[in-house]
Amino acid sequence: MTHARRFRVTPRFVALVMLVCLVFACVVFIDQQQKLGEVRAREAELNAKYAALQAEEQRLEYMIEYAKSDEYRIQYAREKLGLVLPDDIKFNIAE
């Protein structure tokens, strides 16, 4: 009769399993760090775009409020339509 060889857990086998697990954990950690770096870079890019859009929104809100003012209407009438107020003097300068 042939005896079947029994599997025994030796210290060398335990060390090999631990090494494989450690290598796997390191690979996963490095991959996650790389992805985290990409996400942080994308976040910084989006934050910069968001700040620019907020600044543009504030500028446009100011322009809307200014367009509603009498000061803007007077300026527009003078510059675009060539109108003057009753007490103003208009100069025609020939070029």
PDB file of N, CA and C in Angstrom:
ATOM      1  N   MET A   1       0.799  -1.176   0.000  1.00  0.00           N
ATOM      2  CA  MET A   1       0.000   0.000   0.000  1.00  0.00           C
ATOM      3  C   MET A   1       0.850   1.252   0.000  1.00  0.00           C
ATOM      4  N   THR A   2       0.379   2.138  -0.788  1.00  0.00           N
ATOM      5  CA  THR A   2       1.083   3.399  -0.864  1.00  0.00           C
ATOM      6  C   THR A   2       0.418   4.391   0.091  1.00  0.00           C
ATOM      7  N   HIS A   3       1.253   4.968   0.855  1.00  0.00           N
ATOM      8  CA  HIS A   3       0.707   5.963   1.787  1.00  0.00           C
ATOM      9  C   HIS A   3       0.612   7.310   1.093  1.00  0.00           C
ATOM     10  N   ALA A   4      -0.493   7.960   1.287  1.00  0.00           N
ATOM     11  CA  ALA A   4      -0.668   9.314   0.733  1.00  0.00           C
ATOM     12  C   ALA A   4       0.162  10.291   1.543  1.00  0.00           C
ATOM     13  N   ARG A   5       0.768  11.159   0.828  1.00  0.00           N
ATOM     14  CA  ARG A   5       1.608  12.156   1.490  1.00  0.00           C
ATOM     15  C   ARG A   5       0.701  13.164   2.177  1.00  0.00           C
ATOM     16  N   ARG A   6       0.926  13.413   3.416  1.00  0.00           N
ATOM     17  CA  ARG A   6       0.100  14.347   4.174  1.00  0.00           C
ATOM     18  C   ARG A   6       0.647  15.761   4.030  1.00  0.00           C
ATOM     19  N   PHE A   7      -0.262  16.697   3.945  1.00  0.00           N
ATOM     20  CA  PHE A   7       0.115  18.107   3.841  1.00  0.00           C
ATOM     21  C   PHE A   7       0.388  18.646   5.234  1.00  0.00           C
ATOM     22  N   ARG A   8       1.573  19.226   5.373  1.00  0.00           N
ATOM     23  CA  ARG A   8       1.944  19.808   6.656  1.00  0.00           C
ATOM     24  C   ARG A   8       2.252  21.281   6.481  1.00  0.00           C
ATOM     25  N   VAL A   9       1.798  22.069   7.417  1.00  0.00           N
ATOM     26  CA  VAL A   9       2.065  23.505   7.399  1.00  0.00           C
ATOM     27  C   VAL A   9       3.413  23.729   8.063  1.00  0.00           C
ATOM     28  N   THR A  10       4.358  24.161   7.250  1.00  0.00           N
ATOM     29  CA  THR A  10       5.695  24.409   7.763  1.00  0.00           C
ATOM     30  C   THR A  10       5.906  25.907   7.902  1.00  0.00           C
ATOM     31  N   PRO A  11       6.883  26.306   8.665  1.00  0.00           N
ATOM     32  CA  PRO A  11       7.175  27.742   8.796  1.00  0.00           C
ATOM     33  C   PRO A  11       7.519  28.386   7.444  1.00  0.00           C
ATOM     34  N   ARG A  12       8.134  27.634   6.574  1.00  0.00           N
ATOM     35  CA  ARG A  12       8.473  28.166   5.242  1.00  0.00           C
ATOM     36  C   ARG A  12       7.190  28.466   4.452  1.00  0.00           C
ATOM     37  N   PHE A  13       6.200  27.567   4.525  1.00  0.00           N
ATOM     38  CA  PHE A  13       4.920  27.776   3.835  1.00  0.00           C
ATOM     39  C   PHE A  13       4.192  28.991   4.409  1.00  0.00           C
ATOM     40  N   VAL A  14       4.187  29.134   5.705  1.00  0.00           N
ATOM     41  CA  VAL A  14       3.543  30.282   6.364  1.00  0.00           C
ATOM     42  C   VAL A  14       4.221  31.574   5.919  1.00  0.00           C
ATOM     43  N   ALA A  15       5.541  31.565   5.865  1.00  0.00           N
ATOM     44  CA  ALA A  15       6.283  32.760   5.429  1.00  0.00           C
ATOM     45  C   ALA A  15       5.957  33.095   3.980  1.00  0.00           C
ATOM     46  N   LEU A  16       5.825  32.078   3.119  1.00  0.00           N
ATOM     47  CA  LEU A  16       5.498  32.299   1.712  1.00  0.00           C
ATOM     48  C   LEU A  16       4.096  32.894   1.567  1.00  0.00           C
ATOM     49  N   VAL A  17       3.140  32.379   2.305  1.00  0.00           N
ATOM     50  CA  VAL A  17       1.769  32.910   2.258  1.00  0.00           C
ATOM     51  C   VAL A  17       1.747  34.355   2.758  1.00  0.00           C
ATOM     52  N   MET A  18       2.456  34.625   3.824  1.00  0.00           N
ATOM     53  CA  MET A  18       2.522  35.990   4.357  1.00  0.00           C
ATOM     54  C   MET A  18       3.148  36.940   3.342  1.00  0.00           C
ATOM     55  N   LEU A  19       4.200  36.485   2.663  1.00  0.00           N
ATOM     56  CA  LEU A  19       4.861  37.313   1.662  1.00  0.00           C
ATOM     57  C   LEU A  19       3.929  37.613   0.498  1.00  0.00           C
ATOM     58  N   VAL A  20       3.192  36.617   0.028  1.00  0.00           N
ATOM     59  CA  VAL A  20       2.237  36.822  -1.070  1.00  0.00           C
ATOM     60  C   VAL A  20       1.155  37.811  -0.643  1.00  0.00           C
ATOM     61  N   CYS A  21       0.653  37.670   0.564  1.00  0.00           N
ATOM     62  CA  CYS A  21      -0.371  38.601   1.068  1.00  0.00           C
ATOM     63  C   CYS A  21       0.183  40.016   1.185  1.00  0.00           C
ATOM     64  N   LEU A  22       1.400  40.147   1.637  1.00  0.00           N
ATOM     65  CA  LEU A  22       2.030  41.458   1.773  1.00  0.00           C
ATOM     66  C   LEU A  22       2.231  42.116   0.409  1.00  0.00           C
ATOM     67  N   VAL A  23       2.684  41.346  -0.562  1.00  0.00           N
ATOM     68  CA  VAL A  23       2.869  41.888  -1.912  1.00  0.00           C
ATOM     69  C   VAL A  23       1.527  42.327  -2.492  1.00  0.00           C
ATOM     70  N   PHE A  24       0.500  41.505  -2.316  1.00  0.00           N
ATOM     71  CA  PHE A  24      -0.829  41.846  -2.809  1.00  0.00           C
ATOM     72  C   PHE A  24      -1.332  43.134  -2.150  1.00  0.00           C
ATOM     73  N   ALA A  25      -1.155  43.248  -0.841  1.00  0.00           N
ATOM     74  CA  ALA A  25      -1.588  44.445  -0.124  1.00  0.00           C
ATOM     75  C   ALA A  25      -0.835  45.689  -0.611  1.00  0.00           C
ATOM     76  N   CYS A  26       0.453  45.550  -0.869  1.00  0.00           N
ATOM     77  CA  CYS A  26       1.251  46.675  -1.378  1.00  0.00           C
ATOM     78  C   CYS A  26       0.788  47.111  -2.761  1.00  0.00           C
ATOM     79  N   VAL A  27       0.499  46.148  -3.623  1.00  0.00           N
ATOM     80  CA  VAL A  27       0.027  46.471  -4.976  1.00  0.00           C
ATOM     81  C   VAL A  27      -1.306  47.204  -4.902  1.00  0.00           C
ATOM     82  N   VAL A  28      -2.218  46.721  -4.070  1.00  0.00           N
ATOM     83  CA  VAL A  28      -3.525  47.366  -3.921  1.00  0.00           C
ATOM     84  C   VAL A  28      -3.343  48.768  -3.340  1.00  0.00           C
ATOM     85  N   PHE A  29      -2.488  48.922  -2.346  1.00  0.00           N
ATOM     86  CA  PHE A  29      -2.242  50.227  -1.726  1.00  0.00           C
ATOM     87  C   PHE A  29      -1.686  51.221  -2.741  1.00  0.00           C
ATOM     88  N   ILE A  30      -0.705  50.805  -3.507  1.00  0.00           N
ATOM     89  CA  ILE A  30      -0.104  51.701  -4.512  1.00  0.00           C
ATOM     90  C   ILE A  30      -1.128  52.095  -5.569  1.00  0.00           C
ATOM     91  N   ASP A  31      -1.942  51.149  -6.009  1.00  0.00           N
ATOM     92  CA  ASP A  31      -2.982  51.445  -6.994  1.00  0.00           C
ATOM     93  C   ASP A  31      -3.993  52.442  -6.433  1.00  0.00           C
ATOM     94  N   GLN A  32      -4.385  52.250  -5.186  1.00  0.00           N
ATOM     95  CA  GLN A  32      -5.345  53.160  -4.562  1.00  0.00           C
ATOM     96  C   GLN A  32      -4.758  54.562  -4.380  1.00  0.00           C
ATOM     97  N   GLN A  33      -3.490  54.645  -4.045  1.00  0.00           N
ATOM     98  CA  GLN A  33      -2.841  55.942  -3.905  1.00  0.00           C
ATOM     99  C   GLN A  33      -2.798  56.681  -5.241  1.00  0.00           C
ATOM    100  N   GLN A  34      -2.534  55.946  -6.317  1.00  0.00           N
ATOM    101  CA  GLN A  34      -2.509  56.549  -7.646  1.00  0.00           C
ATOM    102  C   GLN A  34      -3.897  57.074  -8.010  1.00  0.00           C
ATOM    103  N   LYS A  35      -4.918  56.285  -7.764  1.00  0.00           N
ATOM    104  CA  LYS A  35      -6.285  56.721  -8.065  1.00  0.00           C
ATOM    105  C   LYS A  35      -6.685  57.908  -7.202  1.00  0.00           C
ATOM    106  N   LEU A  36      -6.272  57.901  -5.949  1.00  0.00           N
ATOM    107  CA  LEU A  36      -6.565  59.011  -5.058  1.00  0.00           C
ATOM    108  C   LEU A  36      -5.898  60.294  -5.552  1.00  0.00           C
ATOM    109  N   GLY A  37      -4.682  60.174  -6.040  1.00  0.00           N
ATOM    110  CA  GLY A  37      -3.993  61.334  -6.604  1.00  0.00           C
ATOM    111  C   GLY A  37      -4.727  61.884  -7.816  1.00  0.00           C
ATOM    112  N   GLU A  38      -5.215  61.005  -8.675  1.00  0.00           N
ATOM    113  CA  GLU A  38      -5.976  61.442  -9.843  1.00  0.00           C
ATOM    114  C   GLU A  38      -7.269  62.140  -9.425  1.00  0.00           C
ATOM    115  N   VAL A  39      -7.935  61.587  -8.419  1.00  0.00           N
ATOM    116  CA  VAL A  39      -9.179  62.193  -7.938  1.00  0.00           C
ATOM    117  C   VAL A  39      -8.904  63.567  -7.336  1.00  0.00           C
ATOM    118  N   ARG A  40      -7.830  63.686  -6.590  1.00  0.00           N
ATOM    119  CA  ARG A  40      -7.476  64.991  -5.995  1.00  0.00           C
ATOM    120  C   ARG A  40      -7.134  66.016  -7.069  1.00  0.00           C
ATOM    121  N   ALA A  41      -6.439  65.597  -8.109  1.00  0.00           N
ATOM    122  CA  ALA A  41      -6.116  66.509  -9.202  1.00  0.00           C
ATOM    123  C   ALA A  41      -7.391  66.964  -9.902  1.00  0.00           C
ATOM    124  N   ARG A  42      -8.300  66.043 -10.139  1.00  0.00           N
ATOM    125  CA  ARG A  42      -9.582  66.382 -10.771  1.00  0.00           C
ATOM    126  C   ARG A  42     -10.397  67.316  -9.870  1.00  0.00           C
ATOM    127  N   GLU A  43     -10.348  67.061  -8.573  1.00  0.00           N
ATOM    128  CA  GLU A  43     -11.058  67.916  -7.623  1.00  0.00           C
ATOM    129  C   GLU A  43     -10.507  69.337  -7.653  1.00  0.00           C
ATOM    130  N   ALA A  44      -9.185  69.472  -7.690  1.00  0.00           N
ATOM    131  CA  ALA A  44      -8.568  70.795  -7.742  1.00  0.00           C
ATOM    132  C   ALA A  44      -8.960  71.512  -9.036  1.00  0.00           C
ATOM    133  N   GLU A  45      -8.974  70.776 -10.139  1.00  0.00           N
ATOM    134  CA  GLU A  45      -9.363  71.353 -11.425  1.00  0.00           C
ATOM    135  C   GLU A  45     -10.815  71.838 -11.380  1.00  0.00           C
ATOM    136  N   LEU A  46     -11.685  71.014 -10.831  1.00  0.00           N
ATOM    137  CA  LEU A  46     -13.098  71.390 -10.750  1.00  0.00           C
ATOM    138  C   LEU A  46     -13.319  72.546  -9.783  1.00  0.00           C
ATOM    139  N   ASN A  47     -12.557  72.592  -8.689  1.00  0.00           N
ATOM    140  CA  ASN A  47     -12.662  73.717  -7.762  1.00  0.00           C
ATOM    141  C   ASN A  47     -12.244  75.025  -8.423  1.00  0.00           C
ATOM    142  N   ALA A  48     -11.202  74.973  -9.252  1.00  0.00           N
ATOM    143  CA  ALA A  48     -10.766  76.171  -9.967  1.00  0.00           C
ATOM    144  C   ALA A  48     -11.837  76.628 -10.955  1.00  0.00           C
ATOM    145  N   LYS A  49     -12.438  75.681 -11.673  1.00  0.00           N
ATOM    146  CA  LYS A  49     -13.517  76.036 -12.600  1.00  0.00           C
ATOM    147  C   LYS A  49     -14.713  76.608 -11.851  1.00  0.00           C
ATOM    148  N   TYR A  50     -15.026  76.017 -10.710  1.00  0.00           N
ATOM    149  CA  TYR A  50     -16.148  76.487  -9.910  1.00  0.00           C
ATOM    150  C   TYR A  50     -15.910  77.923  -9.432  1.00  0.00           C
ATOM    151  N   ALA A  51     -14.695  78.213  -8.983  1.00  0.00           N
ATOM    152  CA  ALA A  51     -14.366  79.561  -8.524  1.00  0.00           C
ATOM    153  C   ALA A  51     -14.479  80.557  -9.682  1.00  0.00           C
ATOM    154  N   ALA A  52     -14.020  80.161 -10.858  1.00  0.00           N
ATOM    155  CA  ALA A  52     -14.127  81.042 -12.024  1.00  0.00           C
ATOM    156  C   ALA A  52     -15.588  81.286 -12.388  1.00  0.00           C
ATOM    157  N   LEU A  53     -16.398  80.250 -12.308  1.00  0.00           N
ATOM    158  CA  LEU A  53     -17.823  80.410 -12.614  1.00  0.00           C
ATOM    159  C   LEU A  53     -18.524  81.275 -11.575  1.00  0.00           C
ATOM    160  N   GLN A  54     -18.131  81.161 -10.325  1.00  0.00           N
ATOM    161  CA  GLN A  54     -18.708  82.016  -9.301  1.00  0.00           C
ATOM    162  C   GLN A  54     -18.349  83.478  -9.534  1.00  0.00           C
ATOM    163  N   ALA A  55     -17.107  83.733  -9.913  1.00  0.00           N
ATOM    164  CA  ALA A  55     -16.684  85.103 -10.203  1.00  0.00           C
ATOM    165  C   ALA A  55     -17.462  85.655 -11.403  1.00  0.00           C
ATOM    166  N   GLU A  56     -17.642  84.828 -12.415  1.00  0.00           N
ATOM    167  CA  GLU A  56     -18.413  85.252 -13.600  1.00  0.00           C
ATOM    168  C   GLU A  56     -19.869  85.517 -13.216  1.00  0.00           C
ATOM    169  N   GLU A  57     -20.415  84.691 -12.354  1.00  0.00           N
ATOM    170  CA  GLU A  57     -21.795  84.893 -11.909  1.00  0.00           C
ATOM    171  C   GLU A  57     -21.930  86.223 -11.161  1.00  0.00           C
ATOM    172  N   GLN A  58     -20.988  86.522 -10.296  1.00  0.00           N
ATOM    173  CA  GLN A  58     -21.024  87.788  -9.566  1.00  0.00           C
ATOM    174  C   GLN A  58     -20.916  88.975 -10.517  1.00  0.00           C
ATOM    175  N   ARG A  59     -20.037  88.849 -11.518  1.00  0.00           N
ATOM    176  CA  ARG A  59     -19.883  89.931 -12.492  1.00  0.00           C
ATOM    177  C   ARG A  59     -21.183  90.140 -13.258  1.00  0.00           C
ATOM    178  N   LEU A  60     -21.816  89.040 -13.674  1.00  0.00           N
ATOM    179  CA  LEU A  60     -23.063  89.155 -14.424  1.00  0.00           C
ATOM    180  C   LEU A  60     -24.193  89.712 -13.557  1.00  0.00           C
ATOM    181  N   GLU A  61     -24.245  89.314 -12.300  1.00  0.00           N
ATOM    182  CA  GLU A  61     -25.260  89.871 -11.405  1.00  0.00           C
ATOM    183  C   GLU A  61     -25.067  91.370 -11.230  1.00  0.00           C
ATOM    184  N   TYR A  62     -23.802  91.794 -11.116  1.00  0.00           N
ATOM    185  CA  TYR A  62     -23.518  93.232 -11.019  1.00  0.00           C
ATOM    186  C   TYR A  62     -23.963  93.946 -12.289  1.00  0.00           C
ATOM    187  N   MET A  63     -23.674  93.354 -13.440  1.00  0.00           N
ATOM    188  CA  MET A  63     -24.058  93.979 -14.715  1.00  0.00           C
ATOM    189  C   MET A  63     -25.582  94.073 -14.834  1.00  0.00           C
ATOM    190  N   ILE A  64     -26.300  93.071 -14.373  1.00  0.00           N
ATOM    191  CA  ILE A  64     -27.764  93.103 -14.420  1.00  0.00           C
ATOM    192  C   ILE A  64     -28.292  94.219 -13.527  1.00  0.00           C
ATOM    193  N   GLU A  65     -27.745  94.325 -12.325  1.00  0.00           N
ATOM    194  CA  GLU A  65     -28.181  95.387 -11.418  1.00  0.00           C
ATOM    195  C   GLU A  65     -27.832  96.759 -11.984  1.00  0.00           C
ATOM    196  N   TYR A  66     -26.650  96.868 -12.581  1.00  0.00           N
ATOM    197  CA  TYR A  66     -26.241  98.140 -13.170  1.00  0.00           C
ATOM    198  C   TYR A  66     -27.137  98.501 -14.355  1.00  0.00           C
ATOM    199  N   ALA A  67     -27.528  97.507 -15.144  1.00  0.00           N
ATOM    200  CA  ALA A  67     -28.393  97.780 -16.304  1.00  0.00           C
ATOM    201  C   ALA A  67     -29.770  98.264 -15.877  1.00  0.00           C
ATOM    202  N   LYS A  68     -30.189  97.950 -14.662  1.00  0.00           N
ATOM    203  CA  LYS A  68     -31.484  98.411 -14.156  1.00  0.00           C
ATOM    204  C   LYS A  68     -31.435  99.827 -13.602  1.00  0.00           C
ATOM    205  N   SER A  69     -30.245 100.378 -13.436  1.00  0.00           N
ATOM    206  CA  SER A  69     -30.104 101.683 -12.794  1.00  0.00           C
ATOM    207  C   SER A  69     -30.330 102.829 -13.788  1.00  0.00           C
ATOM    208  N   ASP A  70     -30.694 103.979 -13.240  1.00  0.00           N
ATOM    209  CA  ASP A  70     -30.868 105.179 -14.064  1.00  0.00           C
ATOM    210  C   ASP A  70     -29.533 105.643 -14.635  1.00  0.00           C
ATOM    211  N   GLU A  71     -28.470 105.441 -13.873  1.00  0.00           N
ATOM    212  CA  GLU A  71     -27.135 105.831 -14.333  1.00  0.00           C
ATOM    213  C   GLU A  71     -26.793 105.140 -15.655  1.00  0.00           C
ATOM    214  N   TYR A  72     -27.103 103.850 -15.748  1.00  0.00           N
ATOM    215  CA  TYR A  72     -26.826 103.107 -16.980  1.00  0.00           C
ATOM    216  C   TYR A  72     -27.689 103.620 -18.129  1.00  0.00           C
ATOM    217  N   ARG A  73     -28.958 103.867 -17.842  1.00  0.00           N
ATOM    218  CA  ARG A  73     -29.854 104.354 -18.895  1.00  0.00           C
ATOM    219  C   ARG A  73     -29.383 105.691 -19.454  1.00  0.00           C
ATOM    220  N   ILE A  74     -28.928 106.572 -18.576  1.00  0.00           N
ATOM    221  CA  ILE A  74     -28.415 107.873 -19.030  1.00  0.00           C
ATOM    222  C   ILE A  74     -27.153 107.677 -19.858  1.00  0.00           C
ATOM    223  N   GLN A  75     -26.245 106.834 -19.377  1.00  0.00           N
ATOM    224  CA  GLN A  75     -25.001 106.573 -20.109  1.00  0.00           C
ATOM    225  C   GLN A  75     -25.296 105.972 -21.478  1.00  0.00           C
ATOM    226  N   TYR A  76     -26.221 105.016 -21.528  1.00  0.00           N
ATOM    227  CA  TYR A  76     -26.580 104.372 -22.790  1.00  0.00           C
ATOM    228  C   TYR A  76     -27.184 105.393 -23.752  1.00  0.00           C
ATOM    229  N   ALA A  77     -28.081 106.209 -23.257  1.00  0.00           N
ATOM    230  CA  ALA A  77     -28.716 107.225 -24.113  1.00  0.00           C
ATOM    231  C   ALA A  77     -27.686 108.191 -24.664  1.00  0.00           C
ATOM    232  N   ARG A  78     -26.719 108.562 -23.864  1.00  0.00           N
ATOM    233  CA  ARG A  78     -25.679 109.494 -24.332  1.00  0.00           C
ATOM    234  C   ARG A  78     -24.745 108.837 -25.348  1.00  0.00           C
ATOM    235  N   GLU A  79     -24.256 107.653 -25.035  1.00  0.00           N
ATOM    236  CA  GLU A  79     -23.247 107.012 -25.881  1.00  0.00           C
ATOM    237  C   GLU A  79     -23.831 106.397 -27.150  1.00  0.00           C
ATOM    238  N   LYS A  80     -24.912 105.672 -27.033  1.00  0.00           N
ATOM    239  CA  LYS A  80     -25.444 104.921 -28.170  1.00  0.00           C
ATOM    240  C   LYS A  80     -26.460 105.705 -28.988  1.00  0.00           C
ATOM    241  N   LEU A  81     -27.285 106.481 -28.310  1.00  0.00           N
ATOM    242  CA  LEU A  81     -28.361 107.179 -29.015  1.00  0.00           C
ATOM    243  C   LEU A  81     -28.047 108.646 -29.302  1.00  0.00           C
ATOM    244  N   GLY A  82     -26.995 109.179 -28.703  1.00  0.00           N
ATOM    245  CA  GLY A  82     -26.604 110.566 -28.946  1.00  0.00           C
ATOM    246  C   GLY A  82     -27.534 111.567 -28.291  1.00  0.00           C
ATOM    247  N   LEU A  83     -28.224 111.189 -27.255  1.00  0.00           N
ATOM    248  CA  LEU A  83     -29.150 112.088 -26.565  1.00  0.00           C
ATOM    249  C   LEU A  83     -28.440 112.839 -25.453  1.00  0.00           C
ATOM    250  N   VAL A  84     -29.025 113.962 -25.056  1.00  0.00           N
ATOM    251  CA  VAL A  84     -28.471 114.758 -23.958  1.00  0.00           C
ATOM    252  C   VAL A  84     -29.601 115.136 -23.009  1.00  0.00           C
ATOM    253  N   LEU A  85     -29.233 115.472 -21.795  1.00  0.00           N
ATOM    254  CA  LEU A  85     -30.198 115.966 -20.825  1.00  0.00           C
ATOM    255  C   LEU A  85     -30.496 117.438 -21.134  1.00  0.00           C
ATOM    256  N   PRO A  86     -31.606 117.968 -20.636  1.00  0.00           N
ATOM    257  CA  PRO A  86     -31.961 119.363 -20.953  1.00  0.00           C
ATOM    258  C   PRO A  86     -30.880 120.388 -20.599  1.00  0.00           C
ATOM    259  N   ASP A  87     -30.134 120.174 -19.551  1.00  0.00           N
ATOM    260  CA  ASP A  87     -29.106 121.167 -19.137  1.00  0.00           C
ATOM    261  C   ASP A  87     -27.738 120.879 -19.748  1.00  0.00           C
ATOM    262  N   ASP A  88     -27.605 119.821 -20.525  1.00  0.00           N
ATOM    263  CA  ASP A  88     -26.305 119.459 -21.124  1.00  0.00           C
ATOM    264  C   ASP A  88     -26.063 120.249 -22.393  1.00  0.00           C
ATOM    265  N   ILE A  89     -24.777 120.387 -22.717  1.00  0.00           N
ATOM    266  CA  ILE A  89     -24.384 121.015 -23.979  1.00  0.00           C
ATOM    267  C   ILE A  89     -23.763 119.934 -24.845  1.00  0.00           C
ATOM    268  N   LYS A  90     -24.220 119.861 -26.060  1.00  0.00           N
ATOM    269  CA  LYS A  90     -23.707 118.845 -26.966  1.00  0.00           C
ATOM    270  C   LYS A  90     -22.729 119.472 -27.941  1.00  0.00           C
ATOM    271  N   PHE A  91     -21.557 118.856 -28.064  1.00  0.00           N
ATOM    272  CA  PHE A  91     -20.536 119.314 -28.982  1.00  0.00           C
ATOM    273  C   PHE A  91     -20.452 118.343 -30.136  1.00  0.00           C
ATOM    274  N   ASN A  92     -20.504 118.855 -31.331  1.00  0.00           N
ATOM    275  CA  ASN A  92     -20.310 118.027 -32.510  1.00  0.00           C
ATOM    276  C   ASN A  92     -18.874 118.271 -33.006  1.00  0.00           C
ATOM    277  N   ILE A  93     -18.059 117.270 -32.938  1.00  0.00           N
ATOM    278  CA  ILE A  93     -16.671 117.388 -33.356  1.00  0.00           C
ATOM    279  C   ILE A  93     -16.530 116.640 -34.669  1.00  0.00           C
ATOM    280  N   ALA A  94     -16.181 117.376 -35.703  1.00  0.00           N
ATOM    281  CA  ALA A  94     -15.981 116.760 -37.015  1.00  0.00           C
ATOM    282  C   ALA A  94     -14.601 116.157 -37.071  1.00  0.00           C
ATOM    283  N   GLU A  95     -14.526 114.974 -37.601  1.00  0.00           N
ATOM    284  CA  GLU A  95     -13.224 114.301 -37.670  1.00  0.00           C
ATOM    285  C   GLU A  95     -12.548 114.570 -38.976  1.00  0.00           C
TER     286      GLU A  95
END
